[in-house]
Amino acid sequence: MLDRKFILENADLVAENCRRRGVACDISQLVQLEQERLGKLQEA
């Protein structure tokens, strides 16, 4: 399992790796959700 921070910092590499392995994933959606989560944490 990959760390959320690693995915955020290397989104293009992770997406390419998933594509090469034939794994369906939506890295851009994951990045968006993580940014929203961080924003909510800052508000709290």
Protein backbone atom coordinates (compact mmCIF):
# COMPACT_ATOMS: atom_id res chain seq x y z
CA MET A 1 0.00 0.00 0.00
CA LEU A 2 1.24 3.46 -0.87
CA ASP A 3 1.36 6.38 1.50
CA ARG A 4 -1.09 9.21 0.72
CA LYS A 5 1.73 11.76 0.78
CA PHE A 6 3.74 9.73 -1.74
CA ILE A 7 0.74 9.52 -4.07
CA LEU A 8 0.15 13.27 -3.86
CA GLU A 9 3.80 14.07 -4.55
CA ASN A 10 4.10 11.51 -7.37
CA ALA A 11 0.61 11.35 -8.87
CA ASP A 12 1.85 11.04 -12.47
CA LEU A 13 4.25 8.22 -11.61
CA VAL A 14 1.61 6.33 -9.65
CA ALA A 15 -0.95 6.70 -12.46
CA GLU A 16 1.58 5.46 -15.03
CA ASN A 17 2.53 2.52 -12.83
CA CYS A 18 -1.14 1.54 -12.44
CA ARG A 19 -1.68 1.82 -16.18
CA ARG A 20 1.33 -0.43 -16.92
CA ARG A 21 0.06 -3.02 -14.44
CA GLY A 22 -3.44 -2.94 -15.90
CA VAL A 23 -4.97 -1.70 -12.66
CA ALA A 24 -7.95 0.63 -12.93
CA CYS A 25 -7.47 3.64 -10.66
CA ASP A 26 -8.47 7.27 -10.63
CA ILE A 27 -5.45 9.02 -9.18
CA SER A 28 -6.80 12.48 -9.97
CA GLN A 29 -9.92 11.73 -7.90
CA LEU A 30 -7.77 10.47 -5.04
CA VAL A 31 -5.64 13.62 -5.17
CA GLN A 32 -8.75 15.82 -5.18
CA LEU A 33 -10.28 14.00 -2.21
CA GLU A 34 -7.04 14.19 -0.25
CA GLN A 35 -6.79 17.94 -0.88
CA GLU A 36 -10.38 18.36 0.32
CA ARG A 37 -9.58 16.30 3.43
CA LEU A 38 -6.55 18.48 4.20
CA GLY A 39 -8.65 21.60 3.74
CA LYS A 40 -11.27 20.31 6.20
CA LEU A 41 -8.54 19.50 8.73
CA GLN A 42 -7.26 23.06 8.50
CA GLU A 43 -10.76 24.43 9.06
CA ALA A 44 -11.22 22.33 12.19
